[in-house]
Amino acid sequence: MRKVRILSLMLAFALLANLISAPSFAAGQDSKRASGFNKELKTVAKKTYKYFTDYTDPDTGLTYDEVRTTDKGTEEAKRTSPTNIAMYMMSTVSAQQMGLISKKEAVSRLQTTIGTLEKLDKWNGLFYNWYNTDDGSLKKDWGQFISQVDNGWLSAGLIVVGQAYPELHGQTSKMVDNMNYTTLYDPEVGQFRGGYDVAKGALTDHHYGMFYTEPRVGSYIAIGKGDVPQEHWWKMYRTMPAEYDWQSQIPQGKVVNYDGVEVFEGSYIYKGKKFVPSWGGSMFEALMPGIVINEKELGAKALGLNNKRHVQLQIEYAKEKGYPAWGFSPSATPTGYSEFAATPLGTSGYKDSSTVTAHATFLALEYAPEAAQKNIKALQKLKMAGKYGFYDSVNVETGELAKAYLALDQGMIMVSIANYLQDGVIRDYFHKDPIGKKPEGLLKKEVFSIQ
């Protein structure tokens, strides 16, 4: 009997050991999968950054706007914008943080770019929208426009570089200080104009009134600099007012008072989920600002929550349409460039046109990593993988590829991967600067009506 009891106890211990070790094995498998995905992302980043090393002018440090493969060969668009410059600078910081290049190379590259930026023609410290990459001269045949959103991104890039490399901080901070955003601000409305046409000597008729779009980066920075008052943050529309019956939905919500300003905290609904819309319903309107602003953590009840909701709803929209992949955002087409979106997520939504773009998936990494991993595989099946990471877009119904690489989209991919693999490193640099830190309270206090 004693022997039977001992055998029974041994069997019980063995079963217990299996029960204890089974979760560890599963955890090990999950860790292995995560490690494999991380390696895959780093490989994508290496290929993506090669675009910047191959197509950035070595003398000026300015990156080509676009490179396209055609039947006739390679077409190189040797022009650049403030946003493209910012994407190159932040991609270089990202590449160094991921161990793809040395600090010495990163600083050398950025010194070249910053040296050029100091010499470029400006208006009230703000940069024109298009320059030639070979000598930094104005691309006058594309107009003489000063864009609020593009300058906002360049300011963000300069702030990140200045915090990442103290030896460059003096130059970068001086340029940011000189970028005078008051010149584009309309104090009567409490919103920014879209920009200023230097040739015409006139501000644009339109304002950047929608809050949940990519110009909010410029708004955040202008507040952080002290160029515009804090109330500007509350003067933008979360949704258009309910009486604006031309919008795609009549929003539901309530009026909330923030810092003495009444804000209509409205929302739309899709697939039973509430959300605050962007203008067009595209991924980069929703998530691009989050590559520098810590919306996910600081705006957990507002912007961060809404970012996650937009990822979920983009995925659900693709399922509803029966598409094999998701990720709708403005991107290259086989013959040019167009705006694409998950239409229901916009105030006046862009069409999806069965077209998805790679950068949308990478922007979503931190909100839905497993879904992003699956979607990357789906994009690879659609033959989007290319020499410089991913081609810019594919029509998921016809399989037609836009065999183009855009500096803007490559940059979003690079920075998104760095933030995912390095615990928000680019955002941390941005918020380390007083300009990035000062408006943090605005992110924390707001509560969207989408709980």
Protein backbone atom coordinates (compact mmCIF):
# COMPACT_ATOMS: atom_id res chain seq x y z
CA MET A 1 0.00 0.00 0.00
CA ARG A 2 2.83 2.35 0.90
CA LYS A 3 4.41 1.74 -2.52
CA VAL A 4 1.08 2.52 -4.26
CA ARG A 5 0.74 5.76 -2.25
CA ILE A 6 4.30 6.77 -3.17
CA LEU A 7 3.64 6.05 -6.85
CA SER A 8 0.40 8.04 -6.65
CA LEU A 9 2.24 10.96 -5.05
CA MET A 10 4.97 10.80 -7.71
CA LEU A 11 2.31 10.83 -10.42
CA ALA A 12 0.56 13.78 -8.77
CA PHE A 13 3.84 15.72 -8.55
CA ALA A 14 4.57 14.96 -12.21
CA LEU A 15 1.13 16.23 -13.24
CA LEU A 16 1.62 19.33 -11.08
CA ALA A 17 5.01 19.94 -12.65
CA ASN A 18 3.44 19.73 -16.11
CA LEU A 19 0.73 22.19 -15.09
CA ILE A 20 3.34 24.59 -13.73
CA SER A 21 5.68 24.27 -16.69
CA ALA A 22 2.99 24.49 -19.40
CA PRO A 23 2.40 28.25 -19.03
CA SER A 24 6.15 28.83 -19.01
CA PHE A 25 6.41 26.93 -22.28
CA ALA A 26 3.58 29.01 -23.75
CA ALA A 27 5.22 32.19 -22.50
CA GLY A 28 8.47 31.03 -24.08
CA GLN A 29 6.71 30.47 -27.38
CA ASP A 30 5.14 33.94 -27.20
CA SER A 31 8.55 35.42 -26.42
CA LYS A 32 10.06 33.57 -29.36
CA ARG A 33 7.33 34.84 -31.69
CA ALA A 34 7.79 38.38 -30.40
CA SER A 35 11.54 38.10 -30.88
CA GLY A 36 11.04 36.87 -34.43
CA PHE A 37 8.68 39.73 -35.21
CA ASN A 38 11.13 42.25 -33.75
CA LYS A 39 13.88 40.91 -36.00
CA GLU A 40 11.54 41.16 -38.98
CA LEU A 41 10.76 44.78 -38.11
CA LYS A 42 14.44 45.61 -37.80
CA THR A 43 15.04 44.09 -41.25
CA VAL A 44 12.25 46.26 -42.66
CA ALA A 45 13.79 49.30 -40.95
CA LYS A 46 17.21 48.55 -42.44
CA LYS A 47 15.76 48.37 -45.96
CA THR A 48 13.59 51.44 -45.37
CA TYR A 49 16.51 53.54 -44.15
CA LYS A 50 18.48 52.57 -47.25
CA TYR A 51 16.05 54.77 -49.16
CA PHE A 52 17.33 57.73 -47.16
CA THR A 53 21.00 56.83 -47.61
CA ASP A 54 20.57 56.28 -51.36
CA TYR A 55 18.34 59.27 -52.09
CA THR A 56 19.57 62.05 -49.82
CA ASP A 57 21.86 64.53 -51.53
CA PRO A 58 25.29 64.14 -49.83
CA ASP A 59 26.13 67.82 -50.20
CA THR A 60 22.87 69.33 -48.89
CA GLY A 61 21.50 66.53 -46.72
CA LEU A 62 18.08 66.95 -48.37
CA THR A 63 16.07 63.84 -49.24
CA TYR A 64 14.26 63.32 -52.54
CA ASP A 65 10.50 63.59 -52.21
CA GLU A 66 9.81 60.44 -54.21
CA VAL A 67 11.50 57.69 -56.20
CA ARG A 68 9.44 55.66 -58.63
CA THR A 69 10.18 52.57 -60.70
CA THR A 70 8.68 52.61 -64.19
CA ASP A 71 9.06 50.67 -67.42
CA LYS A 72 11.52 53.35 -68.51
CA GLY A 73 13.66 53.05 -65.38
CA THR A 74 13.89 55.02 -62.13
CA GLU A 75 12.31 58.45 -61.77
CA GLU A 76 13.76 60.58 -58.99
CA ALA A 77 11.83 63.61 -57.70
CA LYS A 78 14.70 65.86 -56.60
CA ARG A 79 12.56 68.19 -54.51
CA THR A 80 11.90 68.20 -50.79
CA SER A 81 9.55 69.69 -48.21
CA PRO A 82 9.86 70.61 -44.51
CA THR A 83 8.02 67.39 -43.63
CA ASN A 84 10.37 65.29 -45.78
CA ILE A 85 13.35 66.90 -44.06
CA ALA A 86 11.85 66.13 -40.66
CA MET A 87 11.23 62.53 -41.65
CA TYR A 88 14.85 62.13 -42.75
CA MET A 89 16.16 63.63 -39.52
CA MET A 90 13.95 61.52 -37.25
CA SER A 91 14.64 58.43 -39.36
CA THR A 92 18.35 59.00 -38.87
CA VAL A 93 17.90 59.23 -35.10
CA SER A 94 15.77 56.06 -35.33
CA ALA A 95 18.40 54.23 -37.37
CA GLN A 96 21.08 55.05 -34.81
CA GLN A 97 18.85 53.99 -31.91
CA MET A 98 18.21 50.64 -33.59
CA GLY A 99 21.92 50.10 -34.20
CA LEU A 100 21.69 50.41 -37.98
CA ILE A 101 24.22 53.26 -38.11
CA SER A 102 26.75 54.65 -35.65
CA LYS A 103 26.25 57.83 -33.64
CA LYS A 104 29.16 59.37 -35.54
CA GLU A 105 27.42 58.76 -38.87
CA ALA A 106 24.10 60.02 -37.55
CA VAL A 107 25.58 63.27 -36.26
CA SER A 108 27.56 63.79 -39.46
CA ARG A 109 24.47 63.33 -41.62
CA LEU A 110 22.38 65.63 -39.45
CA GLN A 111 25.07 68.31 -39.35
CA THR A 112 24.96 68.45 -43.14
CA THR A 113 21.18 68.82 -43.16
CA ILE A 114 21.13 71.41 -40.38
CA GLY A 115 23.85 73.42 -42.09
CA THR A 116 21.69 73.56 -45.19
CA LEU A 117 18.54 74.46 -43.22
CA GLU A 118 20.32 77.44 -41.71
CA LYS A 119 20.97 78.81 -45.22
CA LEU A 120 17.56 78.12 -46.80
CA ASP A 121 15.23 80.99 -47.70
CA LYS A 122 12.61 81.48 -45.00
CA TRP A 123 9.63 83.69 -44.16
CA ASN A 124 9.43 84.84 -40.53
CA GLY A 125 11.66 81.90 -39.66
CA LEU A 126 9.21 79.49 -41.30
CA PHE A 127 10.25 77.34 -44.25
CA TYR A 128 8.82 77.30 -47.75
CA ASN A 129 7.07 74.18 -48.87
CA TRP A 130 9.38 73.07 -51.68
CA TYR A 131 13.13 73.27 -52.21
CA ASN A 132 15.44 71.71 -54.79
CA THR A 133 17.58 69.01 -53.20
CA ASP A 134 20.79 69.70 -55.12
CA ASP A 135 21.38 73.24 -53.86
CA GLY A 136 18.50 74.10 -51.49
CA SER A 137 17.11 76.76 -53.81
CA LEU A 138 13.38 77.46 -53.82
CA LYS A 139 11.37 75.34 -56.24
CA LYS A 140 9.51 78.39 -57.51
CA ASP A 141 7.56 76.56 -60.20
CA TRP A 142 5.69 74.87 -57.33
CA GLY A 143 4.70 78.19 -55.77
CA GLN A 144 5.96 80.06 -52.72
CA PHE A 145 3.79 78.65 -49.97
CA ILE A 146 4.35 78.59 -46.19
CA SER A 147 2.51 75.59 -44.75
CA GLN A 148 1.51 75.41 -41.06
CA VAL A 149 1.41 71.61 -40.99
CA ASP A 150 4.73 71.12 -42.80
CA ASN A 151 6.54 73.61 -40.60
CA GLY A 152 5.04 71.89 -37.56
CA TRP A 153 6.69 68.66 -38.61
CA LEU A 154 10.03 70.33 -39.27
CA SER A 155 9.91 71.89 -35.79
CA ALA A 156 9.21 68.44 -34.35
CA GLY A 157 12.17 66.94 -36.21
CA LEU A 158 14.51 69.68 -35.03
CA ILE A 159 13.34 69.26 -31.43
CA VAL A 160 13.97 65.50 -31.54
CA VAL A 161 17.46 65.93 -33.05
CA GLY A 162 18.38 68.62 -30.52
CA GLN A 163 17.49 66.33 -27.62
CA ALA A 164 19.07 63.21 -29.15
CA TYR A 165 22.40 64.96 -29.82
CA PRO A 166 23.29 67.78 -27.41
CA GLU A 167 26.11 68.87 -29.73
CA LEU A 168 23.42 69.95 -32.23
CA HIS A 169 21.03 71.48 -29.73
CA GLY A 170 22.27 75.05 -30.07
CA GLN A 171 21.59 75.10 -33.81
CA THR A 172 18.28 73.26 -33.71
CA SER A 173 16.80 75.25 -30.83
CA LYS A 174 17.72 78.54 -32.47
CA MET A 175 15.89 77.56 -35.65
CA VAL A 176 12.81 76.42 -33.74
CA ASP A 177 12.80 79.63 -31.68
CA ASN A 178 12.91 81.65 -34.91
CA MET A 179 9.95 79.80 -36.45
CA ASN A 180 7.25 82.38 -35.74
CA TYR A 181 3.85 80.68 -35.77
CA THR A 182 1.98 83.82 -34.71
CA THR A 183 2.12 84.90 -38.36
CA LEU A 184 -0.26 82.06 -39.36
CA TYR A 185 -2.61 82.29 -36.36
CA ASP A 186 -6.06 83.87 -36.43
CA PRO A 187 -6.74 85.07 -32.86
CA GLU A 188 -10.36 85.98 -33.63
CA VAL A 189 -11.19 82.38 -34.52
CA GLY A 190 -8.58 80.76 -32.29
CA GLN A 191 -7.34 78.56 -35.13
CA PHE A 192 -4.47 78.45 -37.60
CA ARG A 193 -4.80 79.36 -41.22
CA GLY A 194 -3.61 76.62 -43.56
CA GLY A 195 -0.67 78.76 -44.62
CA TYR A 196 0.57 81.87 -46.39
CA ASP A 197 1.16 82.45 -50.09
CA VAL A 198 4.23 84.68 -50.22
CA ALA A 199 3.81 85.53 -53.91
CA LYS A 200 0.20 86.65 -53.40
CA GLY A 201 0.93 88.15 -50.00
CA ALA A 202 -2.12 86.47 -48.50
CA LEU A 203 -3.07 83.89 -45.90
CA THR A 204 -5.26 81.01 -47.03
CA ASP A 205 -9.01 81.47 -46.71
CA HIS A 206 -9.38 78.18 -44.83
CA HIS A 207 -8.48 77.40 -41.24
CA TYR A 208 -7.26 74.15 -39.75
CA GLY A 209 -10.43 73.75 -37.72
CA MET A 210 -10.54 69.97 -37.24
CA PHE A 211 -8.68 68.80 -34.15
CA TYR A 212 -8.18 65.14 -35.05
CA THR A 213 -5.93 65.70 -38.06
CA GLU A 214 -2.17 65.89 -38.57
CA PRO A 215 -1.85 69.72 -38.12
CA ARG A 216 -2.35 69.24 -34.37
CA VAL A 217 1.42 68.70 -34.13
CA GLY A 218 2.00 72.29 -35.24
CA SER A 219 -0.67 73.46 -32.79
CA TYR A 220 0.96 71.57 -29.91
CA ILE A 221 4.40 73.00 -30.72
CA ALA A 222 3.14 76.57 -31.17
CA ILE A 223 1.53 76.35 -27.72
CA GLY A 224 4.70 74.84 -26.29
CA LYS A 225 6.74 77.71 -27.72
CA GLY A 226 4.31 80.31 -26.41
CA ASP A 227 3.58 81.60 -29.92
CA VAL A 228 -0.15 81.04 -29.49
CA PRO A 229 -2.32 80.87 -26.36
CA GLN A 230 -3.28 77.61 -24.69
CA GLU A 231 -6.94 78.23 -25.50
CA HIS A 232 -6.14 77.42 -29.15
CA TRP A 233 -6.13 73.71 -28.20
CA TRP A 234 -9.78 73.99 -27.18
CA LYS A 235 -10.87 76.16 -30.11
CA MET A 236 -10.55 73.33 -32.65
CA TYR A 237 -13.51 71.10 -33.50
CA ARG A 238 -13.57 67.59 -32.04
CA THR A 239 -16.49 67.06 -34.37
CA MET A 240 -18.14 69.75 -36.38
CA PRO A 241 -21.12 71.27 -34.53
CA ALA A 242 -24.27 69.13 -34.69
CA GLU A 243 -26.08 71.78 -36.75
CA TYR A 244 -23.61 71.27 -39.64
CA ASP A 245 -25.85 68.79 -41.43
CA TRP A 246 -23.52 68.35 -44.42
CA GLN A 247 -21.15 66.12 -42.43
CA SER A 248 -21.27 62.36 -42.84
CA GLN A 249 -22.94 61.87 -39.44
CA ILE A 250 -24.74 64.12 -37.01
CA PRO A 251 -22.53 63.88 -33.92
CA GLN A 252 -23.78 63.08 -30.44
CA GLY A 253 -22.11 64.50 -27.36
CA LYS A 254 -22.06 67.24 -24.76
CA VAL A 255 -20.44 70.60 -24.12
CA VAL A 256 -17.57 70.54 -21.62
CA ASN A 257 -15.66 73.50 -20.20
CA TYR A 258 -11.84 73.31 -20.37
CA ASP A 259 -9.79 76.25 -19.10
CA GLY A 260 -12.75 78.57 -19.56
CA VAL A 261 -13.46 77.46 -23.14
CA GLU A 262 -16.61 75.52 -24.02
CA VAL A 263 -15.82 72.47 -26.14
CA PHE A 264 -18.38 70.28 -27.88
CA GLU A 265 -17.15 66.78 -27.10
CA GLY A 266 -18.99 65.07 -29.93
CA SER A 267 -18.51 61.68 -31.52
CA TYR A 268 -19.61 59.51 -34.42
CA ILE A 269 -20.44 55.81 -34.32
CA TYR A 270 -19.40 52.93 -36.60
CA LYS A 271 -19.83 49.20 -35.99
CA GLY A 272 -21.29 50.02 -32.59
CA LYS A 273 -18.15 51.90 -31.50
CA LYS A 274 -17.92 55.62 -30.78
CA PHE A 275 -15.01 57.66 -32.17
CA VAL A 276 -13.94 61.21 -32.90
CA PRO A 277 -13.53 61.54 -36.69
CA SER A 278 -10.67 62.97 -38.68
CA TRP A 279 -11.44 65.01 -41.79
CA GLY A 280 -10.96 62.25 -44.34
CA GLY A 281 -10.85 59.04 -42.26
CA SER A 282 -7.22 58.22 -43.07
CA MET A 283 -4.66 56.59 -40.81
CA PHE A 284 -2.01 59.28 -40.99
CA GLU A 285 -4.46 62.03 -39.94
CA ALA A 286 -5.26 59.88 -36.94
CA LEU A 287 -1.91 58.41 -35.92
CA MET A 288 0.96 60.38 -37.45
CA PRO A 289 1.02 63.00 -34.63
CA GLY A 290 1.45 60.16 -32.13
CA ILE A 291 4.92 59.35 -33.42
CA VAL A 292 6.16 62.44 -31.54
CA ILE A 293 3.36 63.40 -29.11
CA ASN A 294 2.78 60.89 -26.32
CA GLU A 295 -0.94 60.65 -26.96
CA LYS A 296 -1.18 56.97 -26.06
CA GLU A 297 -0.22 57.44 -22.41
CA LEU A 298 -0.87 61.11 -21.64
CA GLY A 299 -4.13 61.21 -23.57
CA ALA A 300 -5.41 57.83 -22.41
CA LYS A 301 -9.00 59.10 -22.15
CA ALA A 302 -8.95 61.16 -25.33
CA LEU A 303 -6.41 61.09 -28.17
CA GLY A 304 -4.78 57.80 -27.16
CA LEU A 305 -8.11 56.04 -26.83
CA ASN A 306 -9.30 57.49 -30.12
CA ASN A 307 -6.11 56.39 -31.88
CA LYS A 308 -6.72 52.82 -30.75
CA ARG A 309 -10.35 53.06 -31.84
CA HIS A 310 -9.35 54.23 -35.34
CA VAL A 311 -7.03 51.25 -35.74
CA GLN A 312 -9.79 48.87 -34.66
CA LEU A 313 -12.28 50.47 -37.02
CA GLN A 314 -9.91 50.55 -39.99
CA ILE A 315 -9.49 46.80 -39.53
CA GLU A 316 -13.26 46.27 -39.22
CA TYR A 317 -13.88 48.42 -42.29
CA ALA A 318 -11.54 46.24 -44.39
CA LYS A 319 -13.32 43.11 -43.11
CA GLU A 320 -16.69 44.60 -44.04
CA LYS A 321 -15.42 45.30 -47.55
CA GLY A 322 -13.92 41.82 -47.85
CA TYR A 323 -10.38 43.14 -48.43
CA PRO A 324 -7.39 40.86 -47.72
CA ALA A 325 -5.47 43.69 -46.01
CA TRP A 326 -6.16 46.97 -44.22
CA GLY A 327 -4.49 50.36 -43.86
CA PHE A 328 -6.09 53.28 -45.68
CA SER A 329 -4.19 56.55 -45.94
CA PRO A 330 -3.05 59.02 -48.65
CA SER A 331 -0.35 57.44 -50.77
CA ALA A 332 1.18 57.06 -54.19
CA THR A 333 -0.80 55.54 -57.03
CA PRO A 334 0.66 53.97 -60.20
CA THR A 335 0.36 57.36 -61.92
CA GLY A 336 0.52 59.91 -59.11
CA TYR A 337 -0.78 60.47 -55.59
CA SER A 338 -4.23 60.34 -54.03
CA GLU A 339 -6.14 60.42 -50.75
CA PHE A 340 -7.49 57.13 -49.43
CA ALA A 341 -9.31 56.36 -46.21
CA ALA A 342 -11.73 54.17 -44.32
CA THR A 343 -14.56 56.40 -45.49
CA PRO A 344 -16.94 56.17 -42.47
CA LEU A 345 -14.18 57.44 -40.14
CA GLY A 346 -14.09 60.88 -41.75
CA THR A 347 -16.13 64.04 -41.37
CA SER A 348 -16.15 64.19 -45.15
CA GLY A 349 -14.55 60.84 -45.85
CA TYR A 350 -12.17 60.06 -48.69
CA LYS A 351 -12.88 56.97 -50.79
CA ASP A 352 -10.91 53.81 -50.11
CA SER A 353 -10.64 52.87 -53.83
CA SER A 354 -9.54 49.36 -52.73
CA THR A 355 -6.09 50.81 -52.02
CA VAL A 356 -3.99 50.18 -48.93
CA THR A 357 -0.62 51.64 -48.00
CA ALA A 358 2.14 50.15 -45.87
CA HIS A 359 2.76 53.15 -43.62
CA ALA A 360 -0.76 52.80 -42.15
CA THR A 361 0.10 49.36 -40.75
CA PHE A 362 3.31 50.55 -39.13
CA LEU A 363 1.60 53.57 -37.56
CA ALA A 364 -0.76 51.07 -35.92
CA LEU A 365 2.06 48.92 -34.45
CA GLU A 366 1.81 50.17 -30.88
CA TYR A 367 -1.97 49.88 -30.76
CA ALA A 368 -2.45 46.49 -32.42
CA PRO A 369 0.89 44.67 -32.80
CA GLU A 370 -0.58 41.22 -33.52
CA ALA A 371 -2.96 42.60 -36.14
CA ALA A 372 -0.10 44.59 -37.65
CA GLN A 373 2.10 41.49 -37.83
CA LYS A 374 -0.63 39.60 -39.70
CA ASN A 375 -1.23 42.54 -42.00
CA ILE A 376 2.47 42.81 -42.87
CA LYS A 377 2.28 39.19 -44.02
CA ALA A 378 -0.83 40.02 -46.05
CA LEU A 379 1.02 42.94 -47.70
CA GLN A 380 3.92 40.63 -48.51
CA LYS A 381 1.49 38.20 -50.16
CA LEU A 382 0.26 41.13 -52.25
CA LYS A 383 3.88 41.54 -53.45
CA MET A 384 4.41 44.88 -51.73
CA ALA A 385 7.85 43.99 -50.38
CA GLY A 386 10.55 45.85 -52.28
CA LYS A 387 14.18 46.94 -52.19
CA TYR A 388 13.46 49.79 -49.76
CA GLY A 389 11.05 47.98 -47.47
CA PHE A 390 7.58 48.23 -48.98
CA TYR A 391 6.20 49.79 -52.14
CA ASP A 392 3.88 52.64 -51.29
CA SER A 393 0.48 51.14 -52.11
CA VAL A 394 -1.43 48.29 -53.69
CA ASN A 395 -4.94 47.91 -55.04
CA VAL A 396 -6.13 44.86 -53.12
CA GLU A 397 -8.72 43.97 -55.76
CA THR A 398 -6.58 44.23 -58.90
CA GLY A 399 -3.16 43.63 -57.33
CA GLU A 400 -1.78 46.72 -59.11
CA LEU A 401 1.21 48.17 -57.27
CA ALA A 402 2.38 51.74 -56.97
CA LYS A 403 6.10 51.00 -57.30
CA ALA A 404 7.05 54.20 -55.57
CA TYR A 405 8.80 55.17 -52.36
CA LEU A 406 7.89 58.46 -50.67
CA ALA A 407 10.16 60.14 -48.12
CA LEU A 408 7.12 61.01 -45.99
CA ASP A 409 5.81 57.45 -45.86
CA GLN A 410 9.25 55.87 -45.44
CA GLY A 411 9.81 58.22 -42.51
CA MET A 412 6.56 57.27 -40.81
CA ILE A 413 7.54 53.61 -41.12
CA MET A 414 11.04 54.18 -39.69
CA VAL A 415 9.94 56.23 -36.69
CA SER A 416 7.02 53.90 -35.93
CA ILE A 417 9.35 50.88 -35.86
CA ALA A 418 11.87 52.70 -33.63
CA ASN A 419 9.15 53.74 -31.18
CA TYR A 420 7.82 50.18 -31.07
CA LEU A 421 11.19 48.48 -30.62
CA GLN A 422 12.79 51.12 -28.39
CA ASP A 423 9.94 51.97 -26.02
CA GLY A 424 8.87 55.27 -27.55
CA VAL A 425 12.37 56.67 -27.97
CA ILE A 426 11.46 59.40 -30.48
CA ARG A 427 8.52 60.56 -28.36
CA ASP A 428 10.75 60.61 -25.30
CA TYR A 429 13.20 62.94 -27.02
CA PHE A 430 10.35 65.21 -28.10
CA HIS A 431 8.86 65.44 -24.60
CA LYS A 432 12.27 65.94 -23.02
CA ASP A 433 12.35 69.39 -24.61
CA PRO A 434 10.45 72.16 -22.75
CA ILE A 435 8.40 72.79 -25.91
CA GLY A 436 7.22 69.18 -25.90
CA LYS A 437 6.72 69.09 -22.13
CA LYS A 438 4.85 72.35 -21.51
CA PRO A 439 1.48 71.41 -23.11
CA GLU A 440 1.31 67.90 -21.60
CA GLY A 441 -1.48 68.96 -19.23
CA LEU A 442 -3.75 69.58 -22.20
CA LEU A 443 -3.42 65.92 -23.20
CA LYS A 444 -4.10 64.65 -19.68
CA LYS A 445 -7.22 66.64 -18.83
CA GLU A 446 -9.40 65.96 -21.85
CA VAL A 447 -12.00 63.18 -21.96
CA PHE A 448 -13.53 62.29 -25.33
CA SER A 449 -17.16 61.16 -25.37
CA ILE A 450 -16.23 57.70 -26.69
CA GLN A 451 -15.84 55.72 -23.48
